[in-house]
């Protein structure tokens, strides 16, 4: 899988966005690799969430996360 990280440069609030084919299915292991722990909240909207939430939830649960969906209208 080819993954590209793009940094959003906001000073102390900077963060990376990870893009690539297959990222949805490996999001749990990617989060573990960067040291994230605890509960994972997937934030989406009610139009998009049904298209990918099950895949993301499954990947996160395989990595040991408890997953919450926050679906906004």
Protein backbone atom coordinates (compact mmCIF):
# COMPACT_ATOMS: atom_id res chain seq x y z
CA UNK A 1 0.00 0.00 0.00
CA UNK A 2 1.32 3.44 -0.91
CA UNK A 3 0.54 6.01 1.75
CA UNK A 4 1.11 9.74 1.59
CA UNK A 5 1.17 11.99 4.64
CA UNK A 6 0.27 15.63 4.23
CA UNK A 7 1.01 18.01 7.09
CA UNK A 8 -1.50 20.70 7.92
CA UNK A 9 0.81 23.39 9.29
CA UNK A 10 -0.93 25.22 12.13
CA UNK A 11 1.94 25.81 14.52
CA UNK A 12 1.25 24.03 17.80
CA UNK A 13 -2.00 22.66 16.34
CA UNK A 14 -0.34 21.03 13.30
CA UNK A 15 -1.43 17.53 12.29
CA UNK A 16 -0.97 15.01 9.50
CA UNK A 17 -3.55 13.68 7.08
CA UNK A 18 -2.85 10.19 5.74
CA UNK A 19 -4.05 9.36 2.22
CA UNK A 20 -3.77 6.14 0.27
CA UNK A 21 -5.55 3.15 -1.20
CA UNK A 22 -6.56 0.75 1.57
CA UNK A 23 -6.17 3.25 4.42
CA UNK A 24 -9.73 2.64 5.64
CA UNK A 25 -8.96 -1.04 6.20
CA UNK A 26 -5.70 -0.35 8.06
CA UNK A 27 -6.65 2.74 10.05
CA UNK A 28 -6.44 0.86 13.35
CA UNK A 29 -2.86 -0.30 12.84
CA UNK A 30 -1.87 3.14 11.52
CA UNK A 31 -3.24 4.73 14.71
CA UNK A 32 -1.34 2.21 16.87
CA UNK A 33 1.88 2.94 14.93
CA UNK A 34 1.73 6.60 15.96
CA UNK A 35 0.97 5.73 19.59
CA UNK A 36 -2.73 6.56 19.83
CA UNK A 37 -4.69 4.81 22.59
CA UNK A 38 -8.16 4.85 24.05
CA UNK A 39 -11.51 5.29 22.38
CA UNK A 40 -11.70 6.13 18.67
CA UNK A 41 -14.43 8.53 17.58
CA UNK A 42 -15.33 8.44 13.90
CA UNK A 43 -16.87 11.78 12.98
CA UNK A 44 -18.82 11.90 9.75
CA UNK A 45 -22.18 12.94 8.39
CA UNK A 46 -25.29 10.85 7.85
CA UNK A 47 -24.77 10.80 4.08
CA UNK A 48 -21.17 9.57 4.03
CA UNK A 49 -21.00 7.39 7.18
CA UNK A 50 -23.08 4.52 5.74
CA UNK A 51 -20.57 4.21 2.89
CA UNK A 52 -17.49 3.52 4.98
CA UNK A 53 -18.21 3.33 8.72
CA UNK A 54 -18.38 -0.48 8.96
CA UNK A 55 -14.94 -0.84 7.36
CA UNK A 56 -13.38 1.79 9.61
CA UNK A 57 -15.05 0.40 12.76
CA UNK A 58 -13.85 -3.11 11.95
CA UNK A 59 -10.25 -1.96 11.35
CA UNK A 60 -10.21 0.01 14.59
CA UNK A 61 -11.72 -2.83 16.62
CA UNK A 62 -9.15 -5.30 15.22
CA UNK A 63 -6.47 -2.97 16.60
CA UNK A 64 -8.11 -2.99 20.03
CA UNK A 65 -9.99 0.31 19.98
CA UNK A 66 -13.48 0.89 21.29
CA UNK A 67 -15.25 2.85 18.54
CA UNK A 68 -17.94 5.52 18.68
CA UNK A 69 -19.71 6.98 15.66
CA UNK A 70 -20.61 10.66 15.72
CA UNK A 71 -22.87 11.15 12.69
CA UNK A 72 -23.91 14.72 12.01
CA UNK A 73 -26.76 15.72 9.69
